[in-house]
Amino acid sequence: MWDNFSDDLQAAAHKLEQCLMQFAEFTLSQEQLTKWLKDVERAMTQHTELKSSLQEKRAQLQVICHCLPAI
C-alpha cells in the first residue's frame, strides 16, 4: 500500500516538474514574442507618419515594403 502511494507520489512530482519546465519555456517564448511585437510596432510607427510630398511617400512605401517580409 505505501509502496504504491510512494510510486504515485514520485510520478506526480515528476509530472509536476515537467509541467513547470514547459511553463517556463512558454513564458520565455511569450516574452520574446511580446518584445518582437513591440519592436515591429515601434518600427512601423516610425515609418508611418504622414508625408507631404509624393517623393517622401514613395520612400516611405519602399521602407514599409522592405519591412513586410520580417513580419
PDB file of N, CA and C in Angstrom:
ATOM      1  N   MET A   1       0.822  -1.188   0.000  1.00  0.00           N
ATOM      2  CA  MET A   1       0.000   0.000   0.000  1.00  0.00           C
ATOM      3  C   MET A   1       0.877   1.267   0.000  1.00  0.00           C
ATOM      4  N   TRP A   2       1.842   1.342   0.906  1.00  0.00           N
ATOM      5  CA  TRP A   2       2.704   2.504   0.971  1.00  0.00           C
ATOM      6  C   TRP A   2       3.627   2.585  -0.236  1.00  0.00           C
ATOM      7  N   ASP A   3       4.011   1.423  -0.752  1.00  0.00           N
ATOM      8  CA  ASP A   3       4.867   1.425  -1.942  1.00  0.00           C
ATOM      9  C   ASP A   3       4.136   2.037  -3.132  1.00  0.00           C
ATOM     10  N   ASN A   4       2.879   1.667  -3.299  1.00  0.00           N
ATOM     11  CA  ASN A   4       2.074   2.231  -4.389  1.00  0.00           C
ATOM     12  C   ASN A   4       1.896   3.736  -4.215  1.00  0.00           C
ATOM     13  N   PHE A   5       1.651   4.137  -2.966  1.00  0.00           N
ATOM     14  CA  PHE A   5       1.482   5.557  -2.675  1.00  0.00           C
ATOM     15  C   PHE A   5       2.769   6.317  -2.985  1.00  0.00           C
ATOM     16  N   SER A   6       3.902   5.762  -2.604  1.00  0.00           N
ATOM     17  CA  SER A   6       5.196   6.393  -2.851  1.00  0.00           C
ATOM     18  C   SER A   6       5.473   6.487  -4.349  1.00  0.00           C
ATOM     19  N   ASP A   7       5.173   5.424  -5.083  1.00  0.00           N
ATOM     20  CA  ASP A   7       5.368   5.438  -6.537  1.00  0.00           C
ATOM     21  C   ASP A   7       4.475   6.476  -7.206  1.00  0.00           C
ATOM     22  N   ASP A   8       3.214   6.519  -6.774  1.00  0.00           N
ATOM     23  CA  ASP A   8       2.282   7.504  -7.337  1.00  0.00           C
ATOM     24  C   ASP A   8       2.732   8.928  -7.033  1.00  0.00           C
ATOM     25  N   LEU A   9       3.230   9.124  -5.819  1.00  0.00           N
ATOM     26  CA  LEU A   9       3.704  10.438  -5.423  1.00  0.00           C
ATOM     27  C   LEU A   9       4.918  10.859  -6.247  1.00  0.00           C
ATOM     28  N   GLN A  10       5.843   9.953  -6.484  1.00  0.00           N
ATOM     29  CA  GLN A  10       7.013  10.257  -7.301  1.00  0.00           C
ATOM     30  C   GLN A  10       6.617  10.556  -8.745  1.00  0.00           C
ATOM     31  N   ALA A  11       5.667   9.777  -9.266  1.00  0.00           N
ATOM     32  CA  ALA A  11       5.193  10.023 -10.640  1.00  0.00           C
ATOM     33  C   ALA A  11       4.525  11.392 -10.744  1.00  0.00           C
ATOM     34  N   ALA A  12       3.732  11.751  -9.740  1.00  0.00           N
ATOM     35  CA  ALA A  12       3.063  13.055  -9.748  1.00  0.00           C
ATOM     36  C   ALA A  12       4.094  14.179  -9.646  1.00  0.00           C
ATOM     37  N   ALA A  13       5.117  14.008  -8.818  1.00  0.00           N
ATOM     38  CA  ALA A  13       6.164  15.021  -8.678  1.00  0.00           C
ATOM     39  C   ALA A  13       6.918  15.189  -9.994  1.00  0.00           C
ATOM     40  N   HIS A  14       7.181  14.078 -10.680  1.00  0.00           N
ATOM     41  CA  HIS A  14       7.881  14.143 -11.964  1.00  0.00           C
ATOM     42  C   HIS A  14       7.035  14.885 -13.002  1.00  0.00           C
ATOM     43  N   LYS A  15       5.747  14.579 -13.058  1.00  0.00           N
ATOM     44  CA  LYS A  15       4.854  15.269 -13.996  1.00  0.00           C
ATOM     45  C   LYS A  15       4.783  16.758 -13.689  1.00  0.00           C
ATOM     46  N   LEU A  16       4.747  17.090 -12.398  1.00  0.00           N
ATOM     47  CA  LEU A  16       4.703  18.493 -11.993  1.00  0.00           C
ATOM     48  C   LEU A  16       5.971  19.221 -12.430  1.00  0.00           C
ATOM     49  N   GLU A  17       7.131  18.589 -12.262  1.00  0.00           N
ATOM     50  CA  GLU A  17       8.389  19.189 -12.704  1.00  0.00           C
ATOM     51  C   GLU A  17       8.386  19.421 -14.209  1.00  0.00           C
ATOM     52  N   GLN A  18       7.868  18.453 -14.967  1.00  0.00           N
ATOM     53  CA  GLN A  18       7.789  18.608 -16.424  1.00  0.00           C
ATOM     54  C   GLN A  18       6.883  19.786 -16.792  1.00  0.00           C
ATOM     55  N   CYS A  19       5.757  19.879 -16.119  1.00  0.00           N
ATOM     56  CA  CYS A  19       4.828  20.978 -16.392  1.00  0.00           C
ATOM     57  C   CYS A  19       5.457  22.325 -16.076  1.00  0.00           C
ATOM     58  N   LEU A  20       6.195  22.394 -14.978  1.00  0.00           N
ATOM     59  CA  LEU A  20       6.860  23.649 -14.613  1.00  0.00           C
ATOM     60  C   LEU A  20       7.918  24.033 -15.640  1.00  0.00           C
ATOM     61  N   MET A  21       8.650  23.064 -16.148  1.00  0.00           N
ATOM     62  CA  MET A  21       9.649  23.346 -17.185  1.00  0.00           C
ATOM     63  C   MET A  21       8.980  23.826 -18.456  1.00  0.00           C
ATOM     64  N   GLN A  22       7.884  23.179 -18.848  1.00  0.00           N
ATOM     65  CA  GLN A  22       7.165  23.603 -20.049  1.00  0.00           C
ATOM     66  C   GLN A  22       6.601  25.008 -19.875  1.00  0.00           C
ATOM     67  N   PHE A  23       6.108  25.301 -18.687  1.00  0.00           N
ATOM     68  CA  PHE A  23       5.560  26.633 -18.439  1.00  0.00           C
ATOM     69  C   PHE A  23       6.661  27.683 -18.511  1.00  0.00           C
ATOM     70  N   ALA A  24       7.835  27.367 -17.986  1.00  0.00           N
ATOM     71  CA  ALA A  24       8.968  28.304 -18.057  1.00  0.00           C
ATOM     72  C   ALA A  24       9.361  28.552 -19.509  1.00  0.00           C
ATOM     73  N   GLU A  25       9.372  27.511 -20.333  1.00  0.00           N
ATOM     74  CA  GLU A  25       9.683  27.666 -21.758  1.00  0.00           C
ATOM     75  C   GLU A  25       8.623  28.517 -22.446  1.00  0.00           C
ATOM     76  N   PHE A  26       7.364  28.262 -22.109  1.00  0.00           N
ATOM     77  CA  PHE A  26       6.272  29.037 -22.686  1.00  0.00           C
ATOM     78  C   PHE A  26       6.404  30.512 -22.311  1.00  0.00           C
ATOM     79  N   THR A  27       6.697  30.780 -21.047  1.00  0.00           N
ATOM     80  CA  THR A  27       6.839  32.154 -20.579  1.00  0.00           C
ATOM     81  C   THR A  27       7.967  32.865 -21.325  1.00  0.00           C
ATOM     82  N   LEU A  28       9.085  32.177 -21.506  1.00  0.00           N
ATOM     83  CA  LEU A  28      10.201  32.763 -22.246  1.00  0.00           C
ATOM     84  C   LEU A  28       9.796  33.066 -23.687  1.00  0.00           C
ATOM     85  N   SER A  29       9.129  32.131 -24.333  1.00  0.00           N
ATOM     86  CA  SER A  29       8.668  32.347 -25.716  1.00  0.00           C
ATOM     87  C   SER A  29       7.689  33.510 -25.789  1.00  0.00           C
ATOM     88  N   GLN A  30       6.809  33.586 -24.812  1.00  0.00           N
ATOM     89  CA  GLN A  30       5.836  34.673 -24.792  1.00  0.00           C
ATOM     90  C   GLN A  30       6.536  36.022 -24.636  1.00  0.00           C
ATOM     91  N   GLU A  31       7.549  36.086 -23.783  1.00  0.00           N
ATOM     92  CA  GLU A  31       8.295  37.329 -23.599  1.00  0.00           C
ATOM     93  C   GLU A  31       9.026  37.726 -24.883  1.00  0.00           C
ATOM     94  N   GLN A  32       9.597  36.738 -25.574  1.00  0.00           N
ATOM     95  CA  GLN A  32      10.292  37.021 -26.828  1.00  0.00           C
ATOM     96  C   GLN A  32       9.316  37.528 -27.879  1.00  0.00           C
ATOM     97  N   LEU A  33       8.144  36.914 -27.948  1.00  0.00           N
ATOM     98  CA  LEU A  33       7.128  37.346 -28.912  1.00  0.00           C
ATOM     99  C   LEU A  33       6.656  38.759 -28.599  1.00  0.00           C
ATOM    100  N   THR A  34       6.427  39.046 -27.334  1.00  0.00           N
ATOM    101  CA  THR A  34       5.990  40.379 -26.934  1.00  0.00           C
ATOM    102  C   THR A  34       7.034  41.426 -27.300  1.00  0.00           C
ATOM    103  N   LYS A  35       8.300  41.124 -27.062  1.00  0.00           N
ATOM    104  CA  LYS A  35       9.378  42.052 -27.419  1.00  0.00           C
ATOM    105  C   LYS A  35       9.411  42.268 -28.931  1.00  0.00           C
ATOM    106  N   TRP A  36       9.288  41.188 -29.700  1.00  0.00           N
ATOM    107  CA  TRP A  36       9.312  41.301 -31.156  1.00  0.00           C
ATOM    108  C   TRP A  36       8.136  42.155 -31.641  1.00  0.00           C
ATOM    109  N   LEU A  37       6.956  41.917 -31.089  1.00  0.00           N
ATOM    110  CA  LEU A  37       5.786  42.696 -31.494  1.00  0.00           C
ATOM    111  C   LEU A  37       5.969  44.182 -31.179  1.00  0.00           C
ATOM    112  N   LYS A  38       6.523  44.478 -30.015  1.00  0.00           N
ATOM    113  CA  LYS A  38       6.771  45.874 -29.661  1.00  0.00           C
ATOM    114  C   LYS A  38       7.796  46.500 -30.601  1.00  0.00           C
ATOM    115  N   ASP A  39       8.833  45.739 -30.956  1.00  0.00           N
ATOM    116  CA  ASP A  39       9.848  46.249 -31.884  1.00  0.00           C
ATOM    117  C   ASP A  39       9.242  46.534 -33.254  1.00  0.00           C
ATOM    118  N   VAL A  40       8.404  45.624 -33.736  1.00  0.00           N
ATOM    119  CA  VAL A  40       7.757  45.823 -35.040  1.00  0.00           C
ATOM    120  C   VAL A  40       6.815  47.025 -34.975  1.00  0.00           C
ATOM    121  N   GLU A  41       6.061  47.108 -33.901  1.00  0.00           N
ATOM    122  CA  GLU A  41       5.144  48.239 -33.755  1.00  0.00           C
ATOM    123  C   GLU A  41       5.907  49.566 -33.722  1.00  0.00           C
ATOM    124  N   ARG A  42       7.016  49.583 -32.999  1.00  0.00           N
ATOM    125  CA  ARG A  42       7.835  50.801 -32.926  1.00  0.00           C
ATOM    126  C   ARG A  42       8.388  51.156 -34.305  1.00  0.00           C
ATOM    127  N   ALA A  43       8.873  50.150 -35.012  1.00  0.00           N
ATOM    128  CA  ALA A  43       9.426  50.402 -36.349  1.00  0.00           C
ATOM    129  C   ALA A  43       8.345  50.902 -37.301  1.00  0.00           C
ATOM    130  N   MET A  44       7.173  50.317 -37.232  1.00  0.00           N
ATOM    131  CA  MET A  44       6.095  50.738 -38.131  1.00  0.00           C
ATOM    132  C   MET A  44       5.608  52.136 -37.770  1.00  0.00           C
ATOM    133  N   THR A  45       5.596  52.452 -36.494  1.00  0.00           N
ATOM    134  CA  THR A  45       5.175  53.791 -36.074  1.00  0.00           C
ATOM    135  C   THR A  45       6.134  54.846 -36.591  1.00  0.00           C
ATOM    136  N   GLN A  46       7.414  54.536 -36.555  1.00  0.00           N
ATOM    137  CA  GLN A  46       8.415  55.486 -37.035  1.00  0.00           C
ATOM    138  C   GLN A  46       8.255  55.754 -38.530  1.00  0.00           C
ATOM    139  N   HIS A  47       7.796  54.760 -39.261  1.00  0.00           N
ATOM    140  CA  HIS A  47       7.740  54.882 -40.711  1.00  0.00           C
ATOM    141  C   HIS A  47       6.340  55.160 -41.248  1.00  0.00           C
ATOM    142  N   THR A  48       5.386  55.419 -40.368  1.00  0.00           N
ATOM    143  CA  THR A  48       4.023  55.646 -40.860  1.00  0.00           C
ATOM    144  C   THR A  48       3.509  57.054 -40.609  1.00  0.00           C
ATOM    145  N   GLU A  49       4.389  57.947 -40.188  1.00  0.00           N
ATOM    146  CA  GLU A  49       3.917  59.324 -40.036  1.00  0.00           C
ATOM    147  C   GLU A  49       3.613  59.893 -41.426  1.00  0.00           C
ATOM    148  N   LEU A  50       2.657  60.773 -41.480  1.00  0.00           N
ATOM    149  CA  LEU A  50       2.209  61.323 -42.757  1.00  0.00           C
ATOM    150  C   LEU A  50       3.304  62.168 -43.403  1.00  0.00           C
ATOM    151  N   LYS A  51       3.441  61.995 -44.712  1.00  0.00           N
ATOM    152  CA  LYS A  51       4.421  62.761 -45.500  1.00  0.00           C
ATOM    153  C   LYS A  51       3.667  63.693 -46.432  1.00  0.00           C
ATOM    154  N   SER A  52       4.290  64.801 -46.740  1.00  0.00           N
ATOM    155  CA  SER A  52       3.595  65.795 -47.555  1.00  0.00           C
ATOM    156  C   SER A  52       3.868  65.650 -49.050  1.00  0.00           C
ATOM    157  N   SER A  53       5.084  65.236 -49.412  1.00  0.00           N
ATOM    158  CA  SER A  53       5.393  65.179 -50.846  1.00  0.00           C
ATOM    159  C   SER A  53       5.283  63.743 -51.367  1.00  0.00           C
ATOM    160  N   LEU A  54       5.067  63.633 -52.655  1.00  0.00           N
ATOM    161  CA  LEU A  54       4.964  62.324 -53.290  1.00  0.00           C
ATOM    162  C   LEU A  54       6.277  61.556 -53.174  1.00  0.00           C
ATOM    163  N   GLN A  55       7.380  62.255 -53.284  1.00  0.00           N
ATOM    164  CA  GLN A  55       8.697  61.611 -53.182  1.00  0.00           C
ATOM    165  C   GLN A  55       8.884  61.015 -51.782  1.00  0.00           C
ATOM    166  N   GLU A  56       8.487  61.740 -50.749  1.00  0.00           N
ATOM    167  CA  GLU A  56       8.588  61.223 -49.379  1.00  0.00           C
ATOM    168  C   GLU A  56       7.671  60.023 -49.177  1.00  0.00           C
ATOM    169  N   LYS A  57       6.492  60.076 -49.778  1.00  0.00           N
ATOM    170  CA  LYS A  57       5.543  58.974 -49.660  1.00  0.00           C
ATOM    171  C   LYS A  57       6.071  57.722 -50.348  1.00  0.00           C
ATOM    172  N   ARG A  58       6.702  57.895 -51.510  1.00  0.00           N
ATOM    173  CA  ARG A  58       7.287  56.740 -52.211  1.00  0.00           C
ATOM    174  C   ARG A  58       8.429  56.134 -51.412  1.00  0.00           C
ATOM    175  N   ALA A  59       9.252  56.973 -50.813  1.00  0.00           N
ATOM    176  CA  ALA A  59      10.349  56.479 -49.976  1.00  0.00           C
ATOM    177  C   ALA A  59       9.791  55.735 -48.766  1.00  0.00           C
ATOM    178  N   GLN A  60       8.737  56.264 -48.203  1.00  0.00           N
ATOM    179  CA  GLN A  60       8.095  55.621 -47.065  1.00  0.00           C
ATOM    180  C   GLN A  60       7.524  54.262 -47.473  1.00  0.00           C
ATOM    181  N   LEU A  61       6.920  54.191 -48.637  1.00  0.00           N
ATOM    182  CA  LEU A  61       6.372  52.930 -49.137  1.00  0.00           C
ATOM    183  C   LEU A  61       7.473  51.894 -49.325  1.00  0.00           C
ATOM    184  N   GLN A  62       8.609  52.311 -49.840  1.00  0.00           N
ATOM    185  CA  GLN A  62       9.728  51.379 -50.020  1.00  0.00           C
ATOM    186  C   GLN A  62      10.211  50.824 -48.678  1.00  0.00           C
ATOM    187  N   VAL A  63      10.268  51.663 -47.680  1.00  0.00           N
ATOM    188  CA  VAL A  63      10.704  51.220 -46.352  1.00  0.00           C
ATOM    189  C   VAL A  63       9.700  50.218 -45.784  1.00  0.00           C
ATOM    190  N   ILE A  64       8.420  50.506 -45.935  1.00  0.00           N
ATOM    191  CA  ILE A  64       7.383  49.604 -45.421  1.00  0.00           C
ATOM    192  C   ILE A  64       7.426  48.272 -46.164  1.00  0.00           C
ATOM    193  N   CYS A  65       7.567  48.300 -47.476  1.00  0.00           N
ATOM    194  CA  CYS A  65       7.657  47.060 -48.253  1.00  0.00           C
ATOM    195  C   CYS A  65       8.884  46.239 -47.847  1.00  0.00           C
ATOM    196  N   HIS A  66       9.940  46.926 -47.490  1.00  0.00           N
ATOM    197  CA  HIS A  66      11.161  46.248 -47.049  1.00  0.00           C
ATOM    198  C   HIS A  66      10.942  45.566 -45.676  1.00  0.00           C
ATOM    199  N   CYS A  67      10.098  46.177 -44.832  1.00  0.00           N
ATOM    200  CA  CYS A  67       9.830  45.629 -43.505  1.00  0.00           C
ATOM    201  C   CYS A  67       8.857  44.463 -43.532  1.00  0.00           C
ATOM    202  N   LEU A  68       8.007  44.385 -44.528  1.00  0.00           N
ATOM    203  CA  LEU A  68       6.959  43.374 -44.565  1.00  0.00           C
ATOM    204  C   LEU A  68       7.472  41.924 -44.481  1.00  0.00           C
ATOM    205  N   PRO A  69       8.541  41.545 -45.160  1.00  0.00           N
ATOM    206  CA  PRO A  69       8.990  40.148 -45.027  1.00  0.00           C
ATOM    207  C   PRO A  69       9.365  39.760 -43.595  1.00  0.00           C
ATOM    208  N   ALA A  70       9.799  40.707 -42.803  1.00  0.00           N
ATOM    209  CA  ALA A  70      10.146  40.425 -41.406  1.00  0.00           C
ATOM    210  C   ALA A  70       8.907  40.144 -40.563  1.00  0.00           C
ATOM    211  N   ILE A  71       7.782  40.665 -41.019  1.00  0.00           N
ATOM    212  CA  ILE A  71       6.529  40.476 -40.278  1.00  0.00           C
ATOM    213  C   ILE A  71       5.950  39.138 -40.654  1.00  0.00           C
TER     214      ILE A  71
END
